[in-house]
């Protein structure tokens, strides 16, 4: 992708996360590349654990987006671009 998280609207990033969550990629390599890009973009210390090992009550794409938004704000990082 080569973008930064600020290049995504929240809706765009949600669609990206949903694609990973639902495994819509044509191959395992493509799926793993998307997961690596997710980790790079969100910068969250839990990385792909947000997807595969979420905290109780924080599973699913919407909860993942909310966690990323809260963590980025708390750590002084920019968020998604405006819609």
PDB file of N, CA and C in Angstrom:
ATOM      1  N   UNK A   1       0.822  -1.201   0.000  1.00  0.00           N
ATOM      2  CA  UNK A   1       0.000   0.000   0.000  1.00  0.00           C
ATOM      3  C   UNK A   1       0.862   1.259   0.000  1.00  0.00           C
ATOM      4  N   UNK A   2       1.852   1.342   0.865  1.00  0.00           N
ATOM      5  CA  UNK A   2       2.743   2.486   0.884  1.00  0.00           C
ATOM      6  C   UNK A   2       2.131   3.769   1.381  1.00  0.00           C
ATOM      7  N   UNK A   3       1.035   3.687   2.080  1.00  0.00           N
ATOM      8  CA  UNK A   3       0.375   4.865   2.623  1.00  0.00           C
ATOM      9  C   UNK A   3       0.668   4.966   4.114  1.00  0.00           C
ATOM     10  N   UNK A   4       0.162   6.033   4.683  1.00  0.00           N
ATOM     11  CA  UNK A   4       0.192   6.202   6.134  1.00  0.00           C
ATOM     12  C   UNK A   4      -1.251   6.173   6.619  1.00  0.00           C
ATOM     13  N   UNK A   5      -1.442   6.003   7.894  1.00  0.00           N
ATOM     14  CA  UNK A   5      -2.803   5.904   8.420  1.00  0.00           C
ATOM     15  C   UNK A   5      -3.584   7.198   8.167  1.00  0.00           C
ATOM     16  N   UNK A   6      -2.886   8.318   8.090  1.00  0.00           N
ATOM     17  CA  UNK A   6      -3.543   9.602   7.836  1.00  0.00           C
ATOM     18  C   UNK A   6      -4.072   9.708   6.409  1.00  0.00           C
ATOM     19  N   UNK A   7      -3.686   8.784   5.532  1.00  0.00           N
ATOM     20  CA  UNK A   7      -4.212   8.754   4.166  1.00  0.00           C
ATOM     21  C   UNK A   7      -5.559   8.038   4.092  1.00  0.00           C
ATOM     22  N   UNK A   8      -5.934   7.364   5.162  1.00  0.00           N
ATOM     23  CA  UNK A   8      -7.175   6.598   5.200  1.00  0.00           C
ATOM     24  C   UNK A   8      -8.251   7.359   5.957  1.00  0.00           C
ATOM     25  N   UNK A   9      -9.479   7.335   5.442  1.00  0.00           N
ATOM     26  CA  UNK A   9     -10.609   7.735   6.277  1.00  0.00           C
ATOM     27  C   UNK A   9     -10.884   6.557   7.211  1.00  0.00           C
ATOM     28  N   UNK A  10     -11.645   6.798   8.237  1.00  0.00           N
ATOM     29  CA  UNK A  10     -11.980   5.698   9.141  1.00  0.00           C
ATOM     30  C   UNK A  10     -12.715   4.589   8.385  1.00  0.00           C
ATOM     31  N   UNK A  11     -13.610   4.974   7.476  1.00  0.00           N
ATOM     32  CA  UNK A  11     -14.359   3.983   6.692  1.00  0.00           C
ATOM     33  C   UNK A  11     -13.429   3.161   5.801  1.00  0.00           C
ATOM     34  N   UNK A  12     -12.439   3.818   5.189  1.00  0.00           N
ATOM     35  CA  UNK A  12     -11.481   3.099   4.337  1.00  0.00           C
ATOM     36  C   UNK A  12     -10.672   2.095   5.154  1.00  0.00           C
ATOM     37  N   UNK A  13     -10.213   2.518   6.326  1.00  0.00           N
ATOM     38  CA  UNK A  13      -9.407   1.619   7.154  1.00  0.00           C
ATOM     39  C   UNK A  13     -10.263   0.484   7.695  1.00  0.00           C
ATOM     40  N   UNK A  14     -11.517   0.781   8.004  1.00  0.00           N
ATOM     41  CA  UNK A  14     -12.434  -0.267   8.450  1.00  0.00           C
ATOM     42  C   UNK A  14     -12.590  -1.323   7.355  1.00  0.00           C
ATOM     43  N   UNK A  15     -12.741  -0.893   6.112  1.00  0.00           N
ATOM     44  CA  UNK A  15     -12.857  -1.843   4.997  1.00  0.00           C
ATOM     45  C   UNK A  15     -11.589  -2.690   4.881  1.00  0.00           C
ATOM     46  N   UNK A  16     -10.433  -2.070   5.074  1.00  0.00           N
ATOM     47  CA  UNK A  16      -9.157  -2.790   5.043  1.00  0.00           C
ATOM     48  C   UNK A  16      -9.114  -3.841   6.154  1.00  0.00           C
ATOM     49  N   UNK A  17      -9.491  -3.451   7.365  1.00  0.00           N
ATOM     50  CA  UNK A  17      -9.493  -4.378   8.502  1.00  0.00           C
ATOM     51  C   UNK A  17     -10.513  -5.499   8.275  1.00  0.00           C
ATOM     52  N   UNK A  18     -11.681  -5.159   7.748  1.00  0.00           N
ATOM     53  CA  UNK A  18     -12.684  -6.188   7.466  1.00  0.00           C
ATOM     54  C   UNK A  18     -12.147  -7.210   6.468  1.00  0.00           C
ATOM     55  N   UNK A  19     -11.404  -6.749   5.462  1.00  0.00           N
ATOM     56  CA  UNK A  19     -10.813  -7.666   4.493  1.00  0.00           C
ATOM     57  C   UNK A  19      -9.852  -8.642   5.148  1.00  0.00           C
ATOM     58  N   UNK A  20      -9.064  -8.137   6.085  1.00  0.00           N
ATOM     59  CA  UNK A  20      -8.147  -9.013   6.825  1.00  0.00           C
ATOM     60  C   UNK A  20      -8.946  -9.962   7.716  1.00  0.00           C
ATOM     61  N   UNK A  21      -9.890  -9.411   8.428  1.00  0.00           N
ATOM     62  CA  UNK A  21     -10.674 -10.181   9.393  1.00  0.00           C
ATOM     63  C   UNK A  21     -11.440 -11.310   8.707  1.00  0.00           C
ATOM     64  N   UNK A  22     -11.962 -11.037   7.505  1.00  0.00           N
ATOM     65  CA  UNK A  22     -12.760 -12.024   6.776  1.00  0.00           C
ATOM     66  C   UNK A  22     -11.921 -12.843   5.798  1.00  0.00           C
ATOM     67  N   UNK A  23     -10.614 -12.573   5.760  1.00  0.00           N
ATOM     68  CA  UNK A  23      -9.680 -13.294   4.889  1.00  0.00           C
ATOM     69  C   UNK A  23     -10.155 -13.314   3.437  1.00  0.00           C
ATOM     70  N   UNK A  24     -10.258 -12.126   2.855  1.00  0.00           N
ATOM     71  CA  UNK A  24     -10.720 -11.996   1.472  1.00  0.00           C
ATOM     72  C   UNK A  24      -9.576 -11.989   0.467  1.00  0.00           C
ATOM     73  N   UNK A  25      -8.381 -12.322   0.893  1.00  0.00           N
ATOM     74  CA  UNK A  25      -7.209 -12.266   0.017  1.00  0.00           C
ATOM     75  C   UNK A  25      -7.062 -13.562  -0.781  1.00  0.00           C
ATOM     76  N   UNK A  26      -6.506 -13.461  -1.988  1.00  0.00           N
ATOM     77  CA  UNK A  26      -6.430 -14.629  -2.876  1.00  0.00           C
ATOM     78  C   UNK A  26      -5.413 -15.690  -2.457  1.00  0.00           C
ATOM     79  N   UNK A  27      -4.500 -15.343  -1.566  1.00  0.00           N
ATOM     80  CA  UNK A  27      -3.488 -16.309  -1.139  1.00  0.00           C
ATOM     81  C   UNK A  27      -3.075 -16.006   0.297  1.00  0.00           C
ATOM     82  N   UNK A  28      -2.429 -16.978   0.904  1.00  0.00           N
ATOM     83  CA  UNK A  28      -1.924 -16.767   2.264  1.00  0.00           C
ATOM     84  C   UNK A  28      -0.861 -15.675   2.280  1.00  0.00           C
ATOM     85  N   UNK A  29      -0.023 -15.637   1.250  1.00  0.00           N
ATOM     86  CA  UNK A  29       1.010 -14.595   1.179  1.00  0.00           C
ATOM     87  C   UNK A  29       0.392 -13.209   1.108  1.00  0.00           C
ATOM     88  N   UNK A  30      -0.665 -13.050   0.312  1.00  0.00           N
ATOM     89  CA  UNK A  30      -1.339 -11.755   0.211  1.00  0.00           C
ATOM     90  C   UNK A  30      -1.982 -11.381   1.540  1.00  0.00           C
ATOM     91  N   UNK A  31      -2.569 -12.366   2.206  1.00  0.00           N
ATOM     92  CA  UNK A  31      -3.188 -12.114   3.510  1.00  0.00           C
ATOM     93  C   UNK A  31      -2.131 -11.686   4.530  1.00  0.00           C
ATOM     94  N   UNK A  32      -1.011 -12.389   4.565  1.00  0.00           N
ATOM     95  CA  UNK A  32       0.053 -12.054   5.516  1.00  0.00           C
ATOM     96  C   UNK A  32       0.666 -10.684   5.207  1.00  0.00           C
ATOM     97  N   UNK A  33       0.747 -10.330   3.932  1.00  0.00           N
ATOM     98  CA  UNK A  33       1.238  -8.998   3.560  1.00  0.00           C
ATOM     99  C   UNK A  33       0.282  -7.922   4.075  1.00  0.00           C
ATOM    100  N   UNK A  34      -1.017  -8.183   4.001  1.00  0.00           N
ATOM    101  CA  UNK A  34      -2.003  -7.228   4.513  1.00  0.00           C
ATOM    102  C   UNK A  34      -1.890  -7.097   6.029  1.00  0.00           C
ATOM    103  N   UNK A  35      -1.665  -8.200   6.717  1.00  0.00           N
ATOM    104  CA  UNK A  35      -1.495  -8.155   8.178  1.00  0.00           C
ATOM    105  C   UNK A  35      -0.246  -7.346   8.536  1.00  0.00           C
ATOM    106  N   UNK A  36       0.832  -7.553   7.804  1.00  0.00           N
ATOM    107  CA  UNK A  36       2.062  -6.786   8.052  1.00  0.00           C
ATOM    108  C   UNK A  36       1.823  -5.303   7.802  1.00  0.00           C
ATOM    109  N   UNK A  37       1.059  -4.984   6.767  1.00  0.00           N
ATOM    110  CA  UNK A  37       0.738  -3.584   6.477  1.00  0.00           C
ATOM    111  C   UNK A  37      -0.147  -3.007   7.578  1.00  0.00           C
ATOM    112  N   UNK A  38      -1.084  -3.781   8.082  1.00  0.00           N
ATOM    113  CA  UNK A  38      -1.919  -3.357   9.206  1.00  0.00           C
ATOM    114  C   UNK A  38      -1.039  -2.975  10.395  1.00  0.00           C
ATOM    115  N   UNK A  39      -0.088  -3.837  10.725  1.00  0.00           N
ATOM    116  CA  UNK A  39       0.814  -3.563  11.847  1.00  0.00           C
ATOM    117  C   UNK A  39       1.607  -2.285  11.611  1.00  0.00           C
ATOM    118  N   UNK A  40       2.114  -2.103  10.397  1.00  0.00           N
ATOM    119  CA  UNK A  40       2.900  -0.911  10.073  1.00  0.00           C
ATOM    120  C   UNK A  40       2.051   0.344  10.198  1.00  0.00           C
ATOM    121  N   UNK A  41       0.841   0.287   9.669  1.00  0.00           N
ATOM    122  CA  UNK A  41      -0.017   1.464   9.659  1.00  0.00           C
ATOM    123  C   UNK A  41      -0.511   1.851  11.047  1.00  0.00           C
ATOM    124  N   UNK A  42      -0.978   0.886  11.815  1.00  0.00           N
ATOM    125  CA  UNK A  42      -1.602   1.240  13.096  1.00  0.00           C
ATOM    126  C   UNK A  42      -0.573   1.547  14.178  1.00  0.00           C
ATOM    127  N   UNK A  43       0.614   0.965  14.101  1.00  0.00           N
ATOM    128  CA  UNK A  43       1.699   1.197  15.059  1.00  0.00           C
ATOM    129  C   UNK A  43       1.360   0.777  16.489  1.00  0.00           C
ATOM    130  N   UNK A  44       0.238   0.137  16.686  1.00  0.00           N
ATOM    131  CA  UNK A  44      -0.190  -0.279  18.027  1.00  0.00           C
ATOM    132  C   UNK A  44       0.765  -1.352  18.547  1.00  0.00           C
ATOM    133  N   UNK A  45       1.155  -1.285  19.820  1.00  0.00           N
ATOM    134  CA  UNK A  45       2.108  -2.270  20.349  1.00  0.00           C
ATOM    135  C   UNK A  45       1.596  -3.713  20.307  1.00  0.00           C
ATOM    136  N   UNK A  46       0.300  -3.912  20.267  1.00  0.00           N
ATOM    137  CA  UNK A  46      -0.241  -5.272  20.187  1.00  0.00           C
ATOM    138  C   UNK A  46      -0.210  -5.826  18.765  1.00  0.00           C
ATOM    139  N   UNK A  47      -0.021  -4.963  17.786  1.00  0.00           N
ATOM    140  CA  UNK A  47       0.094  -5.405  16.400  1.00  0.00           C
ATOM    141  C   UNK A  47      -1.050  -6.301  15.962  1.00  0.00           C
ATOM    142  N   UNK A  48      -0.706  -7.438  15.360  1.00  0.00           N
ATOM    143  CA  UNK A  48      -1.729  -8.346  14.833  1.00  0.00           C
ATOM    144  C   UNK A  48      -2.511  -9.053  15.938  1.00  0.00           C
ATOM    145  N   UNK A  49      -2.050  -8.969  17.173  1.00  0.00           N
ATOM    146  CA  UNK A  49      -2.835  -9.530  18.281  1.00  0.00           C
ATOM    147  C   UNK A  49      -4.196  -8.845  18.385  1.00  0.00           C
ATOM    148  N   UNK A  50      -4.289  -7.596  17.927  1.00  0.00           N
ATOM    149  CA  UNK A  50      -5.591  -6.928  17.904  1.00  0.00           C
ATOM    150  C   UNK A  50      -6.584  -7.723  17.062  1.00  0.00           C
ATOM    151  N   UNK A  51      -6.081  -8.345  16.005  1.00  0.00           N
ATOM    152  CA  UNK A  51      -6.924  -9.141  15.112  1.00  0.00           C
ATOM    153  C   UNK A  51      -7.174 -10.548  15.643  1.00  0.00           C
ATOM    154  N   UNK A  52      -6.101 -11.188  16.097  1.00  0.00           N
ATOM    155  CA  UNK A  52      -6.158 -12.616  16.390  1.00  0.00           C
ATOM    156  C   UNK A  52      -6.325 -12.968  17.864  1.00  0.00           C
ATOM    157  N   UNK A  53      -5.919 -12.081  18.745  1.00  0.00           N
ATOM    158  CA  UNK A  53      -6.001 -12.336  20.192  1.00  0.00           C
ATOM    159  C   UNK A  53      -6.496 -11.082  20.914  1.00  0.00           C
ATOM    160  N   UNK A  54      -7.693 -10.607  20.561  1.00  0.00           N
ATOM    161  CA  UNK A  54      -8.174  -9.363  21.171  1.00  0.00           C
ATOM    162  C   UNK A  54      -8.500  -9.544  22.653  1.00  0.00           C
ATOM    163  N   UNK A  55      -8.450  -8.427  23.355  1.00  0.00           N
ATOM    164  CA  UNK A  55      -8.887  -8.443  24.751  1.00  0.00           C
ATOM    165  C   UNK A  55     -10.383  -8.748  24.777  1.00  0.00           C
ATOM    166  N   UNK A  56     -10.837  -9.292  25.881  1.00  0.00           N
ATOM    167  CA  UNK A  56     -12.254  -9.620  26.011  1.00  0.00           C
ATOM    168  C   UNK A  56     -13.106  -8.380  25.750  1.00  0.00           C
ATOM    169  N   UNK A  57     -14.124  -8.533  24.928  1.00  0.00           N
ATOM    170  CA  UNK A  57     -15.025  -7.441  24.602  1.00  0.00           C
ATOM    171  C   UNK A  57     -14.509  -6.500  23.532  1.00  0.00           C
ATOM    172  N   UNK A  58     -13.342  -6.800  22.957  1.00  0.00           N
ATOM    173  CA  UNK A  58     -12.755  -5.916  21.952  1.00  0.00           C
ATOM    174  C   UNK A  58     -12.467  -6.656  20.648  1.00  0.00           C
ATOM    175  N   UNK A  59     -13.352  -7.571  20.270  1.00  0.00           N
ATOM    176  CA  UNK A  59     -13.119  -8.302  19.034  1.00  0.00           C
ATOM    177  C   UNK A  59     -14.002  -7.752  17.916  1.00  0.00           C
ATOM    178  N   UNK A  60     -13.563  -7.957  16.714  1.00  0.00           N
ATOM    179  CA  UNK A  60     -14.292  -7.502  15.541  1.00  0.00           C
ATOM    180  C   UNK A  60     -13.715  -6.215  14.995  1.00  0.00           C
ATOM    181  N   UNK A  61     -13.948  -5.965  13.720  1.00  0.00           N
ATOM    182  CA  UNK A  61     -13.364  -4.796  13.060  1.00  0.00           C
ATOM    183  C   UNK A  61     -13.679  -3.455  13.726  1.00  0.00           C
ATOM    184  N   UNK A  62     -14.918  -3.243  14.147  1.00  0.00           N
ATOM    185  CA  UNK A  62     -15.260  -1.956  14.768  1.00  0.00           C
ATOM    186  C   UNK A  62     -14.513  -1.747  16.080  1.00  0.00           C
ATOM    187  N   UNK A  63     -14.407  -2.788  16.882  1.00  0.00           N
ATOM    188  CA  UNK A  63     -13.675  -2.684  18.149  1.00  0.00           C
ATOM    189  C   UNK A  63     -12.188  -2.451  17.898  1.00  0.00           C
ATOM    190  N   UNK A  64     -11.653  -3.066  16.859  1.00  0.00           N
ATOM    191  CA  UNK A  64     -10.246  -2.875  16.509  1.00  0.00           C
ATOM    192  C   UNK A  64      -9.995  -1.426  16.116  1.00  0.00           C
ATOM    193  N   UNK A  65     -10.864  -0.875  15.292  1.00  0.00           N
ATOM    194  CA  UNK A  65     -10.728   0.526  14.869  1.00  0.00           C
ATOM    195  C   UNK A  65     -10.791   1.442  16.085  1.00  0.00           C
ATOM    196  N   UNK A  66     -11.726   1.188  16.982  1.00  0.00           N
ATOM    197  CA  UNK A  66     -11.858   2.020  18.183  1.00  0.00           C
ATOM    198  C   UNK A  66     -10.596   1.950  19.032  1.00  0.00           C
ATOM    199  N   UNK A  67     -10.045   0.767  19.206  1.00  0.00           N
ATOM    200  CA  UNK A  67      -8.815   0.598  19.989  1.00  0.00           C
ATOM    201  C   UNK A  67      -7.661   1.361  19.350  1.00  0.00           C
ATOM    202  N   UNK A  68      -7.536   1.281  18.042  1.00  0.00           N
ATOM    203  CA  UNK A  68      -6.465   1.995  17.338  1.00  0.00           C
ATOM    204  C   UNK A  68      -6.635   3.499  17.517  1.00  0.00           C
ATOM    205  N   UNK A  69      -7.857   3.995  17.344  1.00  0.00           N
ATOM    206  CA  UNK A  69      -8.108   5.433  17.505  1.00  0.00           C
ATOM    207  C   UNK A  69      -7.740   5.903  18.908  1.00  0.00           C
ATOM    208  N   UNK A  70      -8.183   5.164  19.914  1.00  0.00           N
ATOM    209  CA  UNK A  70      -7.908   5.554  21.296  1.00  0.00           C
ATOM    210  C   UNK A  70      -6.415   5.511  21.594  1.00  0.00           C
ATOM    211  N   UNK A  71      -5.731   4.466  21.150  1.00  0.00           N
ATOM    212  CA  UNK A  71      -4.303   4.335  21.417  1.00  0.00           C
ATOM    213  C   UNK A  71      -3.519   5.437  20.715  1.00  0.00           C
ATOM    214  N   UNK A  72      -3.850   5.712  19.467  1.00  0.00           N
ATOM    215  CA  UNK A  72      -3.119   6.746  18.726  1.00  0.00           C
ATOM    216  C   UNK A  72      -3.322   8.112  19.385  1.00  0.00           C
ATOM    217  N   UNK A  73      -4.546   8.418  19.790  1.00  0.00           N
ATOM    218  CA  UNK A  73      -4.816   9.700  20.451  1.00  0.00           C
ATOM    219  C   UNK A  73      -4.049   9.798  21.766  1.00  0.00           C
ATOM    220  N   UNK A  74      -4.069   8.741  22.563  1.00  0.00           N
ATOM    221  CA  UNK A  74      -3.390   8.737  23.864  1.00  0.00           C
ATOM    222  C   UNK A  74      -1.876   8.860  23.718  1.00  0.00           C
ATOM    223  N   UNK A  75      -1.351   8.494  22.559  1.00  0.00           N
ATOM    224  CA  UNK A  75       0.092   8.523  22.335  1.00  0.00           C
ATOM    225  C   UNK A  75       0.530   9.646  21.399  1.00  0.00           C
ATOM    226  N   UNK A  76      -0.365  10.622  21.195  1.00  0.00           N
ATOM    227  CA  UNK A  76      -0.021  11.808  20.411  1.00  0.00           C
ATOM    228  C   UNK A  76       0.237  11.541  18.940  1.00  0.00           C
ATOM    229  N   UNK A  77      -0.360  10.495  18.409  1.00  0.00           N
ATOM    230  CA  UNK A  77      -0.160  10.154  17.000  1.00  0.00           C
ATOM    231  C   UNK A  77      -1.367  10.631  16.197  1.00  0.00           C
ATOM    232  N   UNK A  78      -1.152  10.999  14.944  1.00  0.00           N
ATOM    233  CA  UNK A  78      -2.282  11.451  14.127  1.00  0.00           C
ATOM    234  C   UNK A  78      -3.248  10.306  13.850  1.00  0.00           C
ATOM    235  N   UNK A  79      -4.481  10.683  13.590  1.00  0.00           N
ATOM    236  CA  UNK A  79      -5.515   9.685  13.321  1.00  0.00           C
ATOM    237  C   UNK A  79      -5.861   9.607  11.848  1.00  0.00           C
ATOM    238  N   UNK A  80      -7.050   9.115  11.597  1.00  0.00           N
ATOM    239  CA  UNK A  80      -7.526   8.974  10.228  1.00  0.00           C
ATOM    240  C   UNK A  80      -7.838  10.341   9.640  1.00  0.00           C
ATOM    241  N   UNK A  81      -7.790  10.418   8.323  1.00  0.00           N
ATOM    242  CA  UNK A  81      -8.170  11.678   7.674  1.00  0.00           C
ATOM    243  C   UNK A  81      -9.677  11.841   7.801  1.00  0.00           C
ATOM    244  N   UNK A  82     -10.123  13.073   7.701  1.00  0.00           N
ATOM    245  CA  UNK A  82     -11.557  13.342   7.768  1.00  0.00           C
ATOM    246  C   UNK A  82     -12.242  12.742   6.551  1.00  0.00           C
ATOM    247  N   UNK A  83     -13.492  12.337   6.757  1.00  0.00           N
ATOM    248  CA  UNK A  83     -14.277  11.727   5.666  1.00  0.00           C
ATOM    249  C   UNK A  83     -14.484  12.711   4.543  1.00  0.00           C
TER     250      UNK A  83
END
